[in-house]
Amino acid sequence: MLIVGLGNPGKKYENTVHNVGFMAVDALLDKLAARLDKKGCQAEYCAQYIGGEKHIIAKPQTFMNLSGVSVKMLVNSNKIPLDKTLIIYDDIDLPLGSVRVRKEGSGGSHNGMKNIVAECSSTAVPRVRIGVGDERGARDLKDYVLSKVGREKREILDKVFDTVADGIWQYMVDGDIDALMRRLNAYKAV
């Protein structure tokens, strides 16, 4: 299985709305007492063995809009089918604190997911969308997703990350995407 959190690399983008996927992966790594200790496929990643299965956990280092380049390389080099790949990312179209898991679909308004769909030539890529709300007001979308996450919003998101990490850990154990959907699609942190 391949688990990928989307975000932008570098200190400049830490704790920004668009790095919610990276933050969720950090929560999963904390749960597993693991760290990203390898570099390759234009990503930082690690391998974890759970129930005799190898799982790759990764953060692409390609910047958000080219996430598909790294995901395609990770899929190909590790011979992981797309239906055993799980992408985690921010979604402004979902209310803050909500989560949606889907087995497939378009990239919607998310440029990182759009690039993954294009690079992998498939919409059949499972994903976990974490709601960040649309609080851009008069700001451009780009300015909003690259803005810092405030303290109150981060407290809500930290609850989401814990729940998502627990759900993904169970998914790594049992491989049941339908169970992950039932567990996370009903969740709301606020």
N, C-alpha and C. Protein backbone atom coordinates (compact mmCIF):
# COMPACT_ATOMS: atom_id res chain seq x y z
N MET A 1 0.85 -1.18 0.00
CA MET A 1 0.00 0.00 0.00
C MET A 1 0.90 1.25 0.00
N LEU A 2 0.43 2.27 -0.67
CA LEU A 2 1.12 3.56 -0.73
C LEU A 2 0.21 4.63 -0.13
N ILE A 3 0.71 5.34 0.86
CA ILE A 3 -0.04 6.42 1.50
C ILE A 3 0.74 7.71 1.27
N VAL A 4 0.09 8.69 0.64
CA VAL A 4 0.76 9.92 0.25
C VAL A 4 0.00 11.12 0.80
N GLY A 5 0.69 11.96 1.55
CA GLY A 5 0.12 13.23 1.98
C GLY A 5 0.62 14.32 1.06
N LEU A 6 -0.27 15.18 0.61
CA LEU A 6 0.12 16.24 -0.32
C LEU A 6 0.43 17.54 0.43
N GLY A 7 1.37 18.28 -0.14
CA GLY A 7 1.76 19.57 0.41
C GLY A 7 2.88 20.17 -0.42
N ASN A 8 3.41 21.26 0.07
CA ASN A 8 4.55 21.91 -0.57
C ASN A 8 5.77 21.78 0.35
N PRO A 9 6.93 21.45 -0.21
CA PRO A 9 8.12 21.29 0.63
C PRO A 9 8.70 22.63 1.07
N GLY A 10 9.43 22.60 2.18
CA GLY A 10 10.16 23.78 2.63
C GLY A 10 9.50 24.49 3.79
N LYS A 11 10.33 25.17 4.58
CA LYS A 11 9.87 25.91 5.77
C LYS A 11 8.81 26.95 5.45
N LYS A 12 8.94 27.59 4.29
CA LYS A 12 8.02 28.66 3.89
C LYS A 12 6.56 28.18 3.90
N TYR A 13 6.35 26.89 3.60
CA TYR A 13 4.99 26.38 3.45
C TYR A 13 4.50 25.58 4.65
N GLU A 14 5.34 25.44 5.69
CA GLU A 14 4.91 24.71 6.88
C GLU A 14 3.68 25.36 7.50
N ASN A 15 2.77 24.53 7.97
CA ASN A 15 1.56 24.99 8.66
C ASN A 15 0.68 25.88 7.78
N THR A 16 0.67 25.62 6.48
CA THR A 16 -0.25 26.33 5.59
C THR A 16 -1.43 25.42 5.26
N VAL A 17 -2.50 26.02 4.80
CA VAL A 17 -3.72 25.28 4.47
C VAL A 17 -3.42 24.16 3.47
N HIS A 18 -2.60 24.45 2.47
CA HIS A 18 -2.31 23.46 1.43
C HIS A 18 -1.42 22.31 1.93
N ASN A 19 -0.87 22.41 3.13
CA ASN A 19 -0.02 21.36 3.66
C ASN A 19 -0.73 20.44 4.64
N VAL A 20 -2.05 20.45 4.63
CA VAL A 20 -2.83 19.59 5.50
C VAL A 20 -2.50 18.12 5.26
N GLY A 21 -2.25 17.73 4.03
CA GLY A 21 -1.88 16.33 3.74
C GLY A 21 -0.58 15.95 4.42
N PHE A 22 0.40 16.84 4.39
CA PHE A 22 1.67 16.60 5.09
C PHE A 22 1.42 16.45 6.60
N MET A 23 0.57 17.33 7.15
CA MET A 23 0.30 17.29 8.59
C MET A 23 -0.39 15.99 8.99
N ALA A 24 -1.29 15.51 8.15
CA ALA A 24 -1.98 14.24 8.44
C ALA A 24 -0.98 13.08 8.41
N VAL A 25 -0.05 13.11 7.45
CA VAL A 25 0.99 12.07 7.39
C VAL A 25 1.87 12.14 8.64
N ASP A 26 2.17 13.35 9.11
CA ASP A 26 2.96 13.49 10.34
C ASP A 26 2.24 12.82 11.51
N ALA A 27 0.93 12.98 11.61
CA ALA A 27 0.16 12.34 12.68
C ALA A 27 0.22 10.82 12.56
N LEU A 28 0.14 10.31 11.34
CA LEU A 28 0.25 8.87 11.11
C LEU A 28 1.64 8.36 11.50
N LEU A 29 2.67 9.10 11.10
CA LEU A 29 4.04 8.72 11.46
C LEU A 29 4.22 8.71 12.98
N ASP A 30 3.64 9.68 13.68
CA ASP A 30 3.70 9.70 15.15
C ASP A 30 3.05 8.46 15.72
N LYS A 31 1.89 8.09 15.19
CA LYS A 31 1.17 6.91 15.66
C LYS A 31 2.01 5.65 15.47
N LEU A 32 2.75 5.59 14.37
CA LEU A 32 3.57 4.42 14.06
C LEU A 32 4.98 4.50 14.65
N ALA A 33 5.29 5.62 15.31
CA ALA A 33 6.65 5.88 15.82
C ALA A 33 7.66 5.70 14.68
N ALA A 34 7.34 6.30 13.54
CA ALA A 34 8.18 6.19 12.34
C ALA A 34 8.58 7.58 11.87
N ARG A 35 9.52 7.60 10.96
CA ARG A 35 9.91 8.87 10.34
C ARG A 35 10.27 8.62 8.88
N LEU A 36 10.17 9.67 8.10
CA LEU A 36 10.52 9.57 6.68
C LEU A 36 12.04 9.56 6.60
N ASP A 37 12.61 8.40 6.30
CA ASP A 37 14.07 8.25 6.35
C ASP A 37 14.71 7.95 5.00
N LYS A 38 13.91 8.02 3.94
CA LYS A 38 14.43 7.75 2.61
C LYS A 38 14.06 8.89 1.67
N LYS A 39 14.88 9.05 0.62
CA LYS A 39 14.59 10.03 -0.43
C LYS A 39 14.69 9.32 -1.77
N GLY A 40 13.74 9.60 -2.63
CA GLY A 40 13.72 9.02 -3.96
C GLY A 40 12.35 9.26 -4.56
N CYS A 41 12.23 9.07 -5.85
CA CYS A 41 10.96 9.29 -6.55
C CYS A 41 10.43 10.70 -6.30
N GLN A 42 11.35 11.66 -6.13
CA GLN A 42 10.99 13.05 -5.84
C GLN A 42 10.09 13.14 -4.61
N ALA A 43 10.44 12.33 -3.58
CA ALA A 43 9.66 12.31 -2.34
C ALA A 43 10.56 11.96 -1.16
N GLU A 44 10.06 12.28 0.01
CA GLU A 44 10.60 11.74 1.25
C GLU A 44 9.63 10.65 1.65
N TYR A 45 10.16 9.48 2.06
CA TYR A 45 9.25 8.38 2.36
C TYR A 45 9.89 7.41 3.35
N CYS A 46 9.09 6.46 3.80
CA CYS A 46 9.58 5.36 4.62
C CYS A 46 8.76 4.13 4.29
N ALA A 47 9.28 2.99 4.68
CA ALA A 47 8.56 1.72 4.53
C ALA A 47 8.21 1.22 5.93
N GLN A 48 6.98 0.81 6.09
CA GLN A 48 6.51 0.23 7.34
C GLN A 48 5.88 -1.12 7.04
N TYR A 49 6.15 -2.09 7.89
CA TYR A 49 5.59 -3.42 7.72
C TYR A 49 4.53 -3.65 8.78
N ILE A 50 3.31 -3.89 8.34
CA ILE A 50 2.20 -4.14 9.25
C ILE A 50 1.49 -5.38 8.75
N GLY A 51 1.37 -6.36 9.64
CA GLY A 51 0.73 -7.62 9.25
C GLY A 51 1.43 -8.31 8.09
N GLY A 52 2.75 -8.16 8.02
CA GLY A 52 3.51 -8.79 6.94
C GLY A 52 3.45 -8.04 5.62
N GLU A 53 2.68 -6.97 5.56
CA GLU A 53 2.54 -6.17 4.34
C GLU A 53 3.47 -4.96 4.39
N LYS A 54 4.05 -4.64 3.25
CA LYS A 54 4.89 -3.44 3.15
C LYS A 54 4.01 -2.26 2.77
N HIS A 55 4.16 -1.17 3.53
CA HIS A 55 3.43 0.06 3.27
C HIS A 55 4.44 1.18 3.10
N ILE A 56 4.28 1.95 2.04
CA ILE A 56 5.12 3.12 1.80
C ILE A 56 4.32 4.35 2.21
N ILE A 57 4.92 5.20 3.04
CA ILE A 57 4.30 6.46 3.45
C ILE A 57 5.19 7.56 2.90
N ALA A 58 4.58 8.54 2.20
CA ALA A 58 5.40 9.51 1.48
C ALA A 58 4.83 10.91 1.50
N LYS A 59 5.77 11.87 1.33
CA LYS A 59 5.44 13.27 1.08
C LYS A 59 6.19 13.68 -0.18
N PRO A 60 5.48 13.92 -1.28
CA PRO A 60 6.16 14.38 -2.50
C PRO A 60 6.89 15.70 -2.25
N GLN A 61 8.01 15.87 -2.92
CA GLN A 61 8.81 17.09 -2.79
C GLN A 61 8.79 17.88 -4.10
N THR A 62 7.75 17.68 -4.89
CA THR A 62 7.65 18.28 -6.22
C THR A 62 6.88 19.60 -6.24
N PHE A 63 6.38 20.04 -5.13
CA PHE A 63 5.41 21.12 -5.01
C PHE A 63 4.05 20.59 -5.46
N MET A 64 3.02 21.17 -4.89
CA MET A 64 1.66 20.65 -5.01
C MET A 64 1.22 20.38 -6.44
N ASN A 65 1.40 21.35 -7.32
CA ASN A 65 0.84 21.23 -8.67
C ASN A 65 1.47 20.14 -9.51
N LEU A 66 2.59 19.57 -9.05
CA LEU A 66 3.24 18.47 -9.77
C LEU A 66 3.29 17.20 -8.93
N SER A 67 2.39 17.06 -7.97
CA SER A 67 2.35 15.90 -7.09
C SER A 67 2.27 14.58 -7.86
N GLY A 68 1.58 14.60 -8.98
CA GLY A 68 1.40 13.38 -9.77
C GLY A 68 2.69 12.79 -10.29
N VAL A 69 3.69 13.64 -10.52
CA VAL A 69 4.99 13.16 -11.01
C VAL A 69 5.59 12.22 -9.96
N SER A 70 5.60 12.65 -8.71
CA SER A 70 6.14 11.83 -7.63
C SER A 70 5.28 10.60 -7.37
N VAL A 71 3.97 10.77 -7.32
CA VAL A 71 3.07 9.64 -7.05
C VAL A 71 3.24 8.57 -8.12
N LYS A 72 3.31 8.96 -9.38
CA LYS A 72 3.48 7.99 -10.46
C LYS A 72 4.80 7.23 -10.29
N MET A 73 5.87 7.94 -9.93
CA MET A 73 7.17 7.29 -9.72
C MET A 73 7.10 6.32 -8.55
N LEU A 74 6.45 6.72 -7.45
CA LEU A 74 6.33 5.85 -6.28
C LEU A 74 5.51 4.59 -6.61
N VAL A 75 4.41 4.77 -7.32
CA VAL A 75 3.56 3.65 -7.73
C VAL A 75 4.36 2.67 -8.60
N ASN A 76 5.05 3.21 -9.60
CA ASN A 76 5.79 2.36 -10.54
C ASN A 76 6.98 1.68 -9.89
N SER A 77 7.77 2.41 -9.12
CA SER A 77 8.99 1.82 -8.56
C SER A 77 8.69 0.79 -7.47
N ASN A 78 7.55 0.93 -6.80
CA ASN A 78 7.18 -0.02 -5.74
C ASN A 78 6.15 -1.03 -6.20
N LYS A 79 5.76 -0.95 -7.48
CA LYS A 79 4.79 -1.87 -8.07
C LYS A 79 3.50 -1.97 -7.23
N ILE A 80 2.96 -0.79 -6.92
CA ILE A 80 1.75 -0.70 -6.12
C ILE A 80 0.59 -0.31 -7.03
N PRO A 81 -0.48 -1.11 -7.05
CA PRO A 81 -1.62 -0.75 -7.88
C PRO A 81 -2.28 0.55 -7.39
N LEU A 82 -2.86 1.29 -8.30
CA LEU A 82 -3.50 2.56 -7.92
C LEU A 82 -4.60 2.36 -6.87
N ASP A 83 -5.31 1.22 -6.92
CA ASP A 83 -6.37 1.03 -5.93
C ASP A 83 -5.82 0.72 -4.54
N LYS A 84 -4.52 0.55 -4.43
CA LYS A 84 -3.85 0.37 -3.13
C LYS A 84 -3.01 1.60 -2.79
N THR A 85 -3.38 2.72 -3.40
CA THR A 85 -2.75 4.00 -3.14
C THR A 85 -3.79 4.89 -2.46
N LEU A 86 -3.37 5.65 -1.46
CA LEU A 86 -4.29 6.53 -0.75
C LEU A 86 -3.67 7.91 -0.67
N ILE A 87 -4.34 8.91 -1.24
CA ILE A 87 -3.85 10.28 -1.27
C ILE A 87 -4.62 11.08 -0.21
N ILE A 88 -3.90 11.87 0.58
CA ILE A 88 -4.50 12.69 1.64
C ILE A 88 -4.24 14.16 1.31
N TYR A 89 -5.29 14.97 1.29
CA TYR A 89 -5.10 16.38 0.94
C TYR A 89 -6.21 17.26 1.48
N ASP A 90 -5.95 18.57 1.43
CA ASP A 90 -6.90 19.59 1.88
C ASP A 90 -8.01 19.78 0.85
N ASP A 91 -9.20 20.14 1.34
CA ASP A 91 -10.30 20.40 0.42
C ASP A 91 -11.10 21.61 0.93
N ILE A 92 -11.06 22.70 0.17
CA ILE A 92 -11.79 23.91 0.57
C ILE A 92 -13.29 23.75 0.40
N ASP A 93 -13.73 22.76 -0.38
CA ASP A 93 -15.15 22.57 -0.62
C ASP A 93 -15.84 21.80 0.50
N LEU A 94 -15.06 21.32 1.47
CA LEU A 94 -15.63 20.64 2.64
C LEU A 94 -15.51 21.55 3.86
N PRO A 95 -16.50 21.54 4.74
CA PRO A 95 -16.42 22.36 5.94
C PRO A 95 -15.23 21.95 6.81
N LEU A 96 -14.68 22.91 7.52
CA LEU A 96 -13.57 22.65 8.43
C LEU A 96 -13.95 21.54 9.41
N GLY A 97 -13.06 20.57 9.54
CA GLY A 97 -13.26 19.49 10.50
C GLY A 97 -13.96 18.27 9.96
N SER A 98 -14.37 18.30 8.69
CA SER A 98 -15.01 17.13 8.10
C SER A 98 -14.01 16.38 7.23
N VAL A 99 -14.34 15.12 6.96
CA VAL A 99 -13.47 14.25 6.18
C VAL A 99 -14.34 13.48 5.19
N ARG A 100 -13.81 13.28 3.99
CA ARG A 100 -14.49 12.44 3.01
C ARG A 100 -13.48 11.51 2.36
N VAL A 101 -13.82 10.24 2.33
CA VAL A 101 -13.00 9.23 1.67
C VAL A 101 -13.76 8.79 0.43
N ARG A 102 -13.05 8.72 -0.69
CA ARG A 102 -13.64 8.25 -1.94
C ARG A 102 -12.68 7.27 -2.59
N LYS A 103 -13.24 6.31 -3.30
CA LYS A 103 -12.42 5.33 -4.02
C LYS A 103 -11.89 5.89 -5.33
N GLU A 104 -12.60 6.86 -5.88
CA GLU A 104 -12.20 7.42 -7.17
C GLU A 104 -12.92 8.74 -7.39
N GLY A 105 -12.53 9.42 -8.45
CA GLY A 105 -13.17 10.68 -8.81
C GLY A 105 -12.18 11.60 -9.48
N SER A 106 -12.69 12.73 -9.93
CA SER A 106 -11.83 13.72 -10.57
C SER A 106 -10.98 14.41 -9.51
N GLY A 107 -10.11 15.28 -9.95
CA GLY A 107 -9.31 16.06 -9.02
C GLY A 107 -10.07 17.24 -8.44
N GLY A 108 -11.27 17.50 -8.95
CA GLY A 108 -12.06 18.63 -8.47
C GLY A 108 -11.31 19.93 -8.67
N SER A 109 -11.33 20.78 -7.67
CA SER A 109 -10.65 22.07 -7.77
C SER A 109 -9.22 22.00 -7.23
N HIS A 110 -8.78 20.81 -6.82
CA HIS A 110 -7.46 20.66 -6.19
C HIS A 110 -6.39 20.34 -7.24
N ASN A 111 -5.46 21.27 -7.46
CA ASN A 111 -4.46 21.09 -8.52
C ASN A 111 -3.54 19.89 -8.29
N GLY A 112 -3.22 19.58 -7.04
CA GLY A 112 -2.38 18.42 -6.76
C GLY A 112 -3.07 17.13 -7.17
N MET A 113 -4.34 16.99 -6.80
CA MET A 113 -5.09 15.78 -7.16
C MET A 113 -5.34 15.74 -8.65
N LYS A 114 -5.59 16.89 -9.27
CA LYS A 114 -5.78 16.92 -10.73
C LYS A 114 -4.53 16.40 -11.43
N ASN A 115 -3.35 16.79 -10.93
CA ASN A 115 -2.10 16.35 -11.54
C ASN A 115 -1.88 14.85 -11.34
N ILE A 116 -2.28 14.31 -10.19
CA ILE A 116 -2.17 12.87 -9.95
C ILE A 116 -3.05 12.11 -10.94
N VAL A 117 -4.30 12.56 -11.09
CA VAL A 117 -5.22 11.92 -12.04
C VAL A 117 -4.63 11.96 -13.45
N ALA A 118 -4.06 13.10 -13.84
CA ALA A 118 -3.48 13.24 -15.18
C ALA A 118 -2.25 12.36 -15.35
N GLU A 119 -1.32 12.41 -14.39
CA GLU A 119 -0.08 11.63 -14.50
C GLU A 119 -0.33 10.13 -14.46
N CYS A 120 -1.28 9.70 -13.65
CA CYS A 120 -1.56 8.27 -13.50
C CYS A 120 -2.61 7.79 -14.51
N SER A 121 -3.13 8.71 -15.31
CA SER A 121 -4.13 8.39 -16.35
C SER A 121 -5.32 7.60 -15.79
N SER A 122 -5.75 8.00 -14.60
CA SER A 122 -6.87 7.30 -13.99
C SER A 122 -7.53 8.17 -12.92
N THR A 123 -8.84 8.05 -12.82
CA THR A 123 -9.56 8.69 -11.72
C THR A 123 -9.76 7.71 -10.56
N ALA A 124 -9.36 6.45 -10.76
CA ALA A 124 -9.54 5.40 -9.75
C ALA A 124 -8.39 5.41 -8.75
N VAL A 125 -8.25 6.54 -8.06
CA VAL A 125 -7.21 6.69 -7.05
C VAL A 125 -7.92 7.03 -5.73
N PRO A 126 -7.91 6.13 -4.75
CA PRO A 126 -8.55 6.42 -3.47
C PRO A 126 -7.94 7.65 -2.80
N ARG A 127 -8.79 8.41 -2.09
CA ARG A 127 -8.31 9.63 -1.47
C ARG A 127 -9.06 9.95 -0.20
N VAL A 128 -8.37 10.66 0.70
CA VAL A 128 -8.95 11.19 1.93
C VAL A 128 -8.88 12.71 1.81
N ARG A 129 -10.05 13.34 1.75
CA ARG A 129 -10.13 14.79 1.65
C ARG A 129 -10.44 15.36 3.03
N ILE A 130 -9.60 16.27 3.48
CA ILE A 130 -9.78 16.88 4.80
C ILE A 130 -10.30 18.31 4.61
N GLY A 131 -11.47 18.56 5.17
CA GLY A 131 -12.11 19.86 5.02
C GLY A 131 -11.37 20.97 5.74
N VAL A 132 -11.08 22.03 5.00
CA VAL A 132 -10.44 23.21 5.57
C VAL A 132 -11.35 24.44 5.45
N GLY A 133 -12.51 24.26 4.84
CA GLY A 133 -13.44 25.36 4.65
C GLY A 133 -12.93 26.36 3.62
N ASP A 134 -13.82 27.18 3.17
CA ASP A 134 -13.47 28.22 2.21
C ASP A 134 -13.56 29.56 2.91
N GLU A 135 -12.45 29.97 3.48
CA GLU A 135 -12.40 31.22 4.25
C GLU A 135 -11.57 32.27 3.52
N ARG A 136 -11.53 32.20 2.22
CA ARG A 136 -10.65 33.12 1.50
C ARG A 136 -11.21 34.53 1.42
N GLY A 137 -12.53 34.68 1.55
CA GLY A 137 -13.12 36.01 1.44
C GLY A 137 -12.77 36.63 0.11
N ALA A 138 -12.16 37.81 0.13
CA ALA A 138 -11.80 38.51 -1.10
C ALA A 138 -10.44 38.06 -1.63
N ARG A 139 -9.75 37.21 -0.87
CA ARG A 139 -8.43 36.74 -1.30
C ARG A 139 -8.55 35.78 -2.47
N ASP A 140 -7.50 35.74 -3.25
CA ASP A 140 -7.36 34.77 -4.32
C ASP A 140 -7.23 33.39 -3.69
N LEU A 141 -7.70 32.35 -4.38
CA LEU A 141 -7.61 30.97 -3.88
C LEU A 141 -6.18 30.60 -3.53
N LYS A 142 -5.24 30.96 -4.40
CA LYS A 142 -3.83 30.64 -4.16
C LYS A 142 -3.34 31.27 -2.85
N ASP A 143 -3.71 32.52 -2.61
CA ASP A 143 -3.29 33.20 -1.38
C ASP A 143 -3.89 32.50 -0.15
N TYR A 144 -5.14 32.05 -0.27
CA TYR A 144 -5.78 31.37 0.86
C TYR A 144 -5.09 30.04 1.17
N VAL A 145 -4.89 29.19 0.17
CA VAL A 145 -4.32 27.87 0.46
C VAL A 145 -2.86 27.96 0.89
N LEU A 146 -2.20 29.06 0.58
CA LEU A 146 -0.81 29.24 1.03
C LEU A 146 -0.71 30.05 2.32
N SER A 147 -1.87 30.40 2.90
CA SER A 147 -1.86 31.14 4.17
C SER A 147 -1.63 30.18 5.33
N LYS A 148 -1.15 30.73 6.43
CA LYS A 148 -0.88 29.94 7.64
C LYS A 148 -2.19 29.54 8.31
N VAL A 149 -2.17 28.37 8.91
CA VAL A 149 -3.31 27.88 9.68
C VAL A 149 -3.23 28.50 11.07
N GLY A 150 -4.27 29.21 11.47
CA GLY A 150 -4.31 29.85 12.78
C GLY A 150 -4.47 28.83 13.91
N ARG A 151 -4.27 29.30 15.14
CA ARG A 151 -4.29 28.43 16.32
C ARG A 151 -5.63 27.69 16.48
N GLU A 152 -6.76 28.40 16.37
CA GLU A 152 -8.06 27.77 16.56
C GLU A 152 -8.33 26.72 15.49
N LYS A 153 -8.01 27.06 14.26
CA LYS A 153 -8.20 26.11 13.16
C LYS A 153 -7.28 24.90 13.34
N ARG A 154 -6.05 25.13 13.79
CA ARG A 154 -5.10 24.03 13.99
C ARG A 154 -5.58 23.08 15.07
N GLU A 155 -6.20 23.61 16.12
CA GLU A 155 -6.73 22.74 17.18
C GLU A 155 -7.80 21.79 16.63
N ILE A 156 -8.65 22.32 15.78
CA ILE A 156 -9.68 21.48 15.15
C ILE A 156 -9.01 20.46 14.23
N LEU A 157 -8.08 20.92 13.40
CA LEU A 157 -7.41 20.02 12.47
C LEU A 157 -6.61 18.94 13.18
N ASP A 158 -6.01 19.25 14.33
CA ASP A 158 -5.26 18.24 15.07
C ASP A 158 -6.17 17.08 15.49
N LYS A 159 -7.41 17.38 15.86
CA LYS A 159 -8.38 16.32 16.18
C LYS A 159 -8.65 15.47 14.93
N VAL A 160 -8.81 16.16 13.81
CA VAL A 160 -9.03 15.45 12.54
C VAL A 160 -7.85 14.56 12.22
N PHE A 161 -6.64 15.09 12.35
CA PHE A 161 -5.44 14.31 12.02
C PHE A 161 -5.35 13.05 12.88
N ASP A 162 -5.68 13.16 14.16
CA ASP A 162 -5.65 11.98 15.04
C ASP A 162 -6.64 10.92 14.57
N THR A 163 -7.84 11.36 14.24
CA THR A 163 -8.87 10.42 13.78
C THR A 163 -8.50 9.81 12.43
N VAL A 164 -7.98 10.64 11.52
CA VAL A 164 -7.56 10.14 10.21
C VAL A 164 -6.40 9.15 10.37
N ALA A 165 -5.44 9.46 11.24
CA ALA A 165 -4.31 8.55 11.47
C ALA A 165 -4.79 7.21 12.01
N ASP A 166 -5.72 7.23 12.95
CA ASP A 166 -6.27 5.98 13.49
C ASP A 166 -6.96 5.18 12.38
N GLY A 167 -7.76 5.87 11.57
CA GLY A 167 -8.47 5.20 10.48
C GLY A 167 -7.52 4.61 9.46
N ILE A 168 -6.49 5.37 9.10
CA ILE A 168 -5.54 4.87 8.09
C ILE A 168 -4.73 3.71 8.66
N TRP A 169 -4.37 3.77 9.93
CA TRP A 169 -3.66 2.65 10.54
C TRP A 169 -4.51 1.38 10.42
N GLN A 170 -5.80 1.48 10.74
CA GLN A 170 -6.69 0.32 10.62
C GLN A 170 -6.79 -0.14 9.17
N TYR A 171 -6.82 0.80 8.25
CA TYR A 171 -6.85 0.48 6.82
C TYR A 171 -5.57 -0.25 6.40
N MET A 172 -4.44 0.14 6.97
CA MET A 172 -3.18 -0.55 6.68
C MET A 172 -3.23 -1.99 7.21
N VAL A 173 -3.93 -2.20 8.30
CA VAL A 173 -4.05 -3.54 8.89
C VAL A 173 -4.99 -4.42 8.07
N ASP A 174 -6.19 -3.87 7.74
CA ASP A 174 -7.21 -4.73 7.12
C ASP A 174 -7.41 -4.51 5.62
N GLY A 175 -6.90 -3.40 5.07
CA GLY A 175 -7.03 -3.15 3.63
C GLY A 175 -8.45 -2.91 3.17
N ASP A 176 -9.36 -2.61 4.09
CA ASP A 176 -10.78 -2.47 3.76
C ASP A 176 -11.14 -0.99 3.57
N ILE A 177 -11.14 -0.55 2.32
CA ILE A 177 -11.43 0.85 2.01
C ILE A 177 -12.88 1.21 2.38
N ASP A 178 -13.79 0.25 2.26
CA ASP A 178 -15.18 0.51 2.63
C ASP A 178 -15.31 0.80 4.12
N ALA A 179 -14.57 0.06 4.95
CA ALA A 179 -14.58 0.31 6.40
C ALA A 179 -13.99 1.69 6.70
N LEU A 180 -12.94 2.07 5.96
CA LEU A 180 -12.35 3.40 6.15
C LEU A 180 -13.36 4.48 5.78
N MET A 181 -14.11 4.25 4.71
CA MET A 181 -15.14 5.21 4.30
C MET A 181 -16.22 5.33 5.37
N ARG A 182 -16.68 4.20 5.89
CA ARG A 182 -17.72 4.24 6.93
C ARG A 182 -17.22 4.97 8.17
N ARG A 183 -15.97 4.73 8.52
CA ARG A 183 -15.41 5.32 9.74
C ARG A 183 -15.19 6.83 9.60
N LEU A 184 -14.59 7.25 8.49
CA LEU A 184 -14.20 8.65 8.36
C LEU A 184 -15.27 9.54 7.75
N ASN A 185 -16.10 9.02 6.87
CA ASN A 185 -17.10 9.87 6.22
C ASN A 185 -18.15 10.36 7.21
N ALA A 186 -18.32 9.68 8.31
CA ALA A 186 -19.28 10.09 9.33
C ALA A 186 -18.68 11.07 10.33
N TYR A 187 -17.37 11.29 10.25
CA TYR A 187 -16.66 12.08 11.26
C TYR A 187 -16.79 13.58 11.01
N LYS A 188 -16.96 14.33 12.09
CA LYS A 188 -16.89 15.80 12.06
C LYS A 188 -16.27 16.25 13.36
N ALA A 189 -15.23 17.04 13.28
CA ALA A 189 -14.53 17.51 14.48
C ALA A 189 -15.26 18.68 15.13
N VAL A 190 -16.11 19.37 14.39
CA VAL A 190 -16.85 20.52 14.96
C VAL A 190 -18.34 20.37 14.71
